[in-house]
């Protein structure tokens, strides 16, 4: 969600602390919230946050 909102400073902190960014939410709750299968990279791209995309690809 941090990448979707476009908070690169918070994203940096999470990445430094070992956040897992390549997994996608799944299950009933994720489907109900319409986020099933979405990764942080997809969200950052969808909502046009190039700085977050750069950090996720680094």
PDB file of N, CA and C in Angstrom:
ATOM      1  N   UNK A   1       0.814  -1.190   0.000  1.00  0.00           N
ATOM      2  CA  UNK A   1       0.000   0.000   0.000  1.00  0.00           C
ATOM      3  C   UNK A   1       0.862   1.261   0.000  1.00  0.00           C
ATOM      4  N   UNK A   2       2.002   1.202   0.629  1.00  0.00           N
ATOM      5  CA  UNK A   2       2.904   2.360   0.667  1.00  0.00           C
ATOM      6  C   UNK A   2       3.326   2.748  -0.747  1.00  0.00           C
ATOM      7  N   UNK A   3       3.606   1.765  -1.585  1.00  0.00           N
ATOM      8  CA  UNK A   3       4.015   2.040  -2.962  1.00  0.00           C
ATOM      9  C   UNK A   3       2.861   2.615  -3.769  1.00  0.00           C
ATOM     10  N   UNK A   4       1.639   2.133  -3.525  1.00  0.00           N
ATOM     11  CA  UNK A   4       0.476   2.638  -4.248  1.00  0.00           C
ATOM     12  C   UNK A   4       0.195   4.090  -3.909  1.00  0.00           C
ATOM     13  N   UNK A   5       0.401   4.454  -2.661  1.00  0.00           N
ATOM     14  CA  UNK A   5       0.145   5.825  -2.220  1.00  0.00           C
ATOM     15  C   UNK A   5       1.262   6.758  -2.681  1.00  0.00           C
ATOM     16  N   UNK A   6       2.456   6.198  -2.848  1.00  0.00           N
ATOM     17  CA  UNK A   6       3.577   6.994  -3.337  1.00  0.00           C
ATOM     18  C   UNK A   6       4.416   7.594  -2.230  1.00  0.00           C
ATOM     19  N   UNK A   7       4.730   6.828  -1.211  1.00  0.00           N
ATOM     20  CA  UNK A   7       5.566   7.295  -0.105  1.00  0.00           C
ATOM     21  C   UNK A   7       6.945   6.645  -0.201  1.00  0.00           C
ATOM     22  N   UNK A   8       7.831   7.170  -1.036  1.00  0.00           N
ATOM     23  CA  UNK A   8       9.139   6.538  -1.224  1.00  0.00           C
ATOM     24  C   UNK A   8       9.990   6.515   0.040  1.00  0.00           C
ATOM     25  N   UNK A   9       9.863   7.510   0.920  1.00  0.00           N
ATOM     26  CA  UNK A   9      10.662   7.521   2.144  1.00  0.00           C
ATOM     27  C   UNK A   9      10.277   6.367   3.076  1.00  0.00           C
ATOM     28  N   UNK A  10       8.986   6.106   3.203  1.00  0.00           N
ATOM     29  CA  UNK A  10       8.525   4.980   4.018  1.00  0.00           C
ATOM     30  C   UNK A  10       8.904   3.664   3.341  1.00  0.00           C
ATOM     31  N   UNK A  11       8.795   3.625   2.024  1.00  0.00           N
ATOM     32  CA  UNK A  11       9.177   2.431   1.272  1.00  0.00           C
ATOM     33  C   UNK A  11      10.646   2.101   1.495  1.00  0.00           C
ATOM     34  N   UNK A  12      11.502   3.119   1.499  1.00  0.00           N
ATOM     35  CA  UNK A  12      12.931   2.898   1.762  1.00  0.00           C
ATOM     36  C   UNK A  12      13.151   2.247   3.129  1.00  0.00           C
ATOM     37  N   UNK A  13      12.464   2.740   4.138  1.00  0.00           N
ATOM     38  CA  UNK A  13      12.604   2.189   5.494  1.00  0.00           C
ATOM     39  C   UNK A  13      12.168   0.726   5.519  1.00  0.00           C
ATOM     40  N   UNK A  14      11.036   0.442   4.904  1.00  0.00           N
ATOM     41  CA  UNK A  14      10.539  -0.934   4.884  1.00  0.00           C
ATOM     42  C   UNK A  14      11.487  -1.864   4.136  1.00  0.00           C
ATOM     43  N   UNK A  15      12.024  -1.398   3.020  1.00  0.00           N
ATOM     44  CA  UNK A  15      12.956  -2.222   2.249  1.00  0.00           C
ATOM     45  C   UNK A  15      14.243  -2.473   3.030  1.00  0.00           C
ATOM     46  N   UNK A  16      14.731  -1.451   3.734  1.00  0.00           N
ATOM     47  CA  UNK A  16      15.942  -1.615   4.537  1.00  0.00           C
ATOM     48  C   UNK A  16      15.730  -2.631   5.659  1.00  0.00           C
ATOM     49  N   UNK A  17      14.502  -2.726   6.141  1.00  0.00           N
ATOM     50  CA  UNK A  17      14.197  -3.650   7.243  1.00  0.00           C
ATOM     51  C   UNK A  17      13.762  -5.027   6.751  1.00  0.00           C
ATOM     52  N   UNK A  18      13.883  -5.245   5.448  1.00  0.00           N
ATOM     53  CA  UNK A  18      13.627  -6.574   4.903  1.00  0.00           C
ATOM     54  C   UNK A  18      12.195  -6.882   4.517  1.00  0.00           C
ATOM     55  N   UNK A  19      11.424  -5.861   4.176  1.00  0.00           N
ATOM     56  CA  UNK A  19      10.039  -6.099   3.768  1.00  0.00           C
ATOM     57  C   UNK A  19       9.988  -6.992   2.534  1.00  0.00           C
ATOM     58  N   UNK A  20       9.035  -7.890   2.509  1.00  0.00           N
ATOM     59  CA  UNK A  20       8.835  -8.763   1.353  1.00  0.00           C
ATOM     60  C   UNK A  20       7.931  -8.023   0.373  1.00  0.00           C
ATOM     61  N   UNK A  21       8.450  -7.743  -0.818  1.00  0.00           N
ATOM     62  CA  UNK A  21       7.686  -6.954  -1.782  1.00  0.00           C
ATOM     63  C   UNK A  21       7.278  -7.745  -3.019  1.00  0.00           C
ATOM     64  N   UNK A  22       7.645  -9.004  -3.074  1.00  0.00           N
ATOM     65  CA  UNK A  22       7.303  -9.768  -4.266  1.00  0.00           C
ATOM     66  C   UNK A  22       6.123 -10.712  -4.071  1.00  0.00           C
ATOM     67  N   UNK A  23       5.536 -10.709  -2.901  1.00  0.00           N
ATOM     68  CA  UNK A  23       4.373 -11.574  -2.683  1.00  0.00           C
ATOM     69  C   UNK A  23       3.086 -10.806  -2.974  1.00  0.00           C
ATOM     70  N   UNK A  24       2.056 -11.526  -3.326  1.00  0.00           N
ATOM     71  CA  UNK A  24       0.764 -10.918  -3.635  1.00  0.00           C
ATOM     72  C   UNK A  24      -0.281 -11.436  -2.653  1.00  0.00           C
ATOM     73  N   UNK A  25      -1.157 -10.559  -2.171  1.00  0.00           N
ATOM     74  CA  UNK A  25      -2.217 -10.991  -1.267  1.00  0.00           C
ATOM     75  C   UNK A  25      -3.140 -12.001  -1.953  1.00  0.00           C
ATOM     76  N   UNK A  26      -3.659 -12.932  -1.178  1.00  0.00           N
ATOM     77  CA  UNK A  26      -4.598 -13.902  -1.731  1.00  0.00           C
ATOM     78  C   UNK A  26      -5.617 -14.276  -0.664  1.00  0.00           C
ATOM     79  N   UNK A  27      -6.617 -14.979  -1.074  1.00  0.00           N
ATOM     80  CA  UNK A  27      -7.645 -15.423  -0.146  1.00  0.00           C
ATOM     81  C   UNK A  27      -8.898 -14.571  -0.204  1.00  0.00           C
ATOM     82  N   UNK A  28      -9.872 -14.966   0.575  1.00  0.00           N
ATOM     83  CA  UNK A  28     -11.183 -14.307   0.565  1.00  0.00           C
ATOM     84  C   UNK A  28     -11.087 -12.829   0.935  1.00  0.00           C
ATOM     85  N   UNK A  29     -10.327 -12.526   1.961  1.00  0.00           N
ATOM     86  CA  UNK A  29     -10.213 -11.130   2.398  1.00  0.00           C
ATOM     87  C   UNK A  29      -9.579 -10.260   1.310  1.00  0.00           C
ATOM     88  N   UNK A  30      -8.541 -10.766   0.660  1.00  0.00           N
ATOM     89  CA  UNK A  30      -7.900 -10.022  -0.425  1.00  0.00           C
ATOM     90  C   UNK A  30      -8.855  -9.848  -1.601  1.00  0.00           C
ATOM     91  N   UNK A  31      -9.621 -10.880  -1.903  1.00  0.00           N
ATOM     92  CA  UNK A  31     -10.597 -10.786  -2.990  1.00  0.00           C
ATOM     93  C   UNK A  31     -11.690  -9.779  -2.656  1.00  0.00           C
ATOM     94  N   UNK A  32     -12.162  -9.793  -1.416  1.00  0.00           N
ATOM     95  CA  UNK A  32     -13.193  -8.847  -0.994  1.00  0.00           C
ATOM     96  C   UNK A  32     -12.712  -7.403  -1.114  1.00  0.00           C
ATOM     97  N   UNK A  33     -11.434  -7.178  -0.852  1.00  0.00           N
ATOM     98  CA  UNK A  33     -10.866  -5.831  -0.921  1.00  0.00           C
ATOM     99  C   UNK A  33     -10.272  -5.500  -2.284  1.00  0.00           C
ATOM    100  N   UNK A  34     -10.458  -6.413  -3.241  1.00  0.00           N
ATOM    101  CA  UNK A  34     -10.014  -6.223  -4.625  1.00  0.00           C
ATOM    102  C   UNK A  34      -8.512  -5.978  -4.744  1.00  0.00           C
ATOM    103  N   UNK A  35      -7.734  -6.697  -3.924  1.00  0.00           N
ATOM    104  CA  UNK A  35      -6.278  -6.577  -4.012  1.00  0.00           C
ATOM    105  C   UNK A  35      -5.610  -7.919  -4.277  1.00  0.00           C
ATOM    106  N   UNK A  36      -6.397  -8.950  -4.525  1.00  0.00           N
ATOM    107  CA  UNK A  36      -5.835 -10.277  -4.769  1.00  0.00           C
ATOM    108  C   UNK A  36      -4.944 -10.245  -6.007  1.00  0.00           C
ATOM    109  N   UNK A  37      -3.746 -10.767  -5.877  1.00  0.00           N
ATOM    110  CA  UNK A  37      -2.813 -10.849  -6.996  1.00  0.00           C
ATOM    111  C   UNK A  37      -2.040  -9.581  -7.278  1.00  0.00           C
ATOM    112  N   UNK A  38      -2.268  -8.529  -6.521  1.00  0.00           N
ATOM    113  CA  UNK A  38      -1.578  -7.260  -6.757  1.00  0.00           C
ATOM    114  C   UNK A  38      -0.313  -7.184  -5.908  1.00  0.00           C
ATOM    115  N   UNK A  39       0.790  -6.832  -6.532  1.00  0.00           N
ATOM    116  CA  UNK A  39       2.048  -6.656  -5.812  1.00  0.00           C
ATOM    117  C   UNK A  39       2.321  -5.168  -5.646  1.00  0.00           C
ATOM    118  N   UNK A  40       3.240  -4.781  -4.763  1.00  0.00           N
ATOM    119  CA  UNK A  40       3.579  -3.367  -4.626  1.00  0.00           C
ATOM    120  C   UNK A  40       4.033  -2.735  -5.944  1.00  0.00           C
ATOM    121  N   UNK A  41       4.758  -3.488  -6.769  1.00  0.00           N
ATOM    122  CA  UNK A  41       5.210  -2.947  -8.054  1.00  0.00           C
ATOM    123  C   UNK A  41       4.027  -2.654  -8.974  1.00  0.00           C
ATOM    124  N   UNK A  42       3.060  -3.543  -9.003  1.00  0.00           N
ATOM    125  CA  UNK A  42       1.862  -3.308  -9.818  1.00  0.00           C
ATOM    126  C   UNK A  42       1.132  -2.066  -9.324  1.00  0.00           C
ATOM    127  N   UNK A  43       0.984  -1.936  -8.005  1.00  0.00           N
ATOM    128  CA  UNK A  43       0.294  -0.771  -7.446  1.00  0.00           C
ATOM    129  C   UNK A  43       1.011   0.531  -7.732  1.00  0.00           C
ATOM    130  N   UNK A  44       2.329   0.544  -7.587  1.00  0.00           N
ATOM    131  CA  UNK A  44       3.097   1.764  -7.852  1.00  0.00           C
ATOM    132  C   UNK A  44       3.007   2.158  -9.320  1.00  0.00           C
ATOM    133  N   UNK A  45       3.000   1.166 -10.195  1.00  0.00           N
ATOM    134  CA  UNK A  45       2.886   1.438 -11.630  1.00  0.00           C
ATOM    135  C   UNK A  45       1.489   1.932 -11.971  1.00  0.00           C
ATOM    136  N   UNK A  46       0.492   1.273 -11.428  1.00  0.00           N
ATOM    137  CA  UNK A  46      -0.905   1.618 -11.712  1.00  0.00           C
ATOM    138  C   UNK A  46      -1.230   3.055 -11.315  1.00  0.00           C
ATOM    139  N   UNK A  47      -0.688   3.490 -10.176  1.00  0.00           N
ATOM    140  CA  UNK A  47      -1.000   4.831  -9.683  1.00  0.00           C
ATOM    141  C   UNK A  47       0.099   5.850  -9.984  1.00  0.00           C
ATOM    142  N   UNK A  48       1.007   5.498 -10.916  1.00  0.00           N
ATOM    143  CA  UNK A  48       2.005   6.422 -11.451  1.00  0.00           C
ATOM    144  C   UNK A  48       2.914   7.036 -10.380  1.00  0.00           C
ATOM    145  N   UNK A  49       3.651   6.166  -9.690  1.00  0.00           N
ATOM    146  CA  UNK A  49       4.627   6.609  -8.701  1.00  0.00           C
ATOM    147  C   UNK A  49       6.007   6.094  -9.115  1.00  0.00           C
ATOM    148  N   UNK A  50       6.649   6.795 -10.076  1.00  0.00           N
ATOM    149  CA  UNK A  50       7.923   6.307 -10.625  1.00  0.00           C
ATOM    150  C   UNK A  50       9.038   6.167  -9.594  1.00  0.00           C
ATOM    151  N   UNK A  51       9.072   7.005  -8.574  1.00  0.00           N
ATOM    152  CA  UNK A  51      10.126   6.883  -7.558  1.00  0.00           C
ATOM    153  C   UNK A  51       9.991   5.568  -6.792  1.00  0.00           C
ATOM    154  N   UNK A  52       8.765   5.170  -6.500  1.00  0.00           N
ATOM    155  CA  UNK A  52       8.545   3.895  -5.815  1.00  0.00           C
ATOM    156  C   UNK A  52       8.887   2.730  -6.732  1.00  0.00           C
ATOM    157  N   UNK A  53       8.555   2.857  -8.010  1.00  0.00           N
ATOM    158  CA  UNK A  53       8.888   1.803  -8.974  1.00  0.00           C
ATOM    159  C   UNK A  53      10.400   1.615  -9.029  1.00  0.00           C
ATOM    160  N   UNK A  54      11.150   2.713  -9.092  1.00  0.00           N
ATOM    161  CA  UNK A  54      12.622   2.638  -9.131  1.00  0.00           C
ATOM    162  C   UNK A  54      13.167   1.925  -7.900  1.00  0.00           C
ATOM    163  N   UNK A  55      12.636   2.249  -6.741  1.00  0.00           N
ATOM    164  CA  UNK A  55      13.123   1.628  -5.504  1.00  0.00           C
ATOM    165  C   UNK A  55      12.789   0.138  -5.458  1.00  0.00           C
ATOM    166  N   UNK A  56      11.619  -0.226  -5.950  1.00  0.00           N
ATOM    167  CA  UNK A  56      11.223  -1.628  -5.940  1.00  0.00           C
ATOM    168  C   UNK A  56      12.037  -2.458  -6.929  1.00  0.00           C
ATOM    169  N   UNK A  57      12.471  -1.845  -8.010  1.00  0.00           N
ATOM    170  CA  UNK A  57      13.255  -2.562  -9.016  1.00  0.00           C
ATOM    171  C   UNK A  57      14.739  -2.600  -8.693  1.00  0.00           C
ATOM    172  N   UNK A  58      15.172  -1.774  -7.749  1.00  0.00           N
ATOM    173  CA  UNK A  58      16.608  -1.713  -7.410  1.00  0.00           C
ATOM    174  C   UNK A  58      17.078  -2.941  -6.676  1.00  0.00           C
TER     175      UNK A  58
END
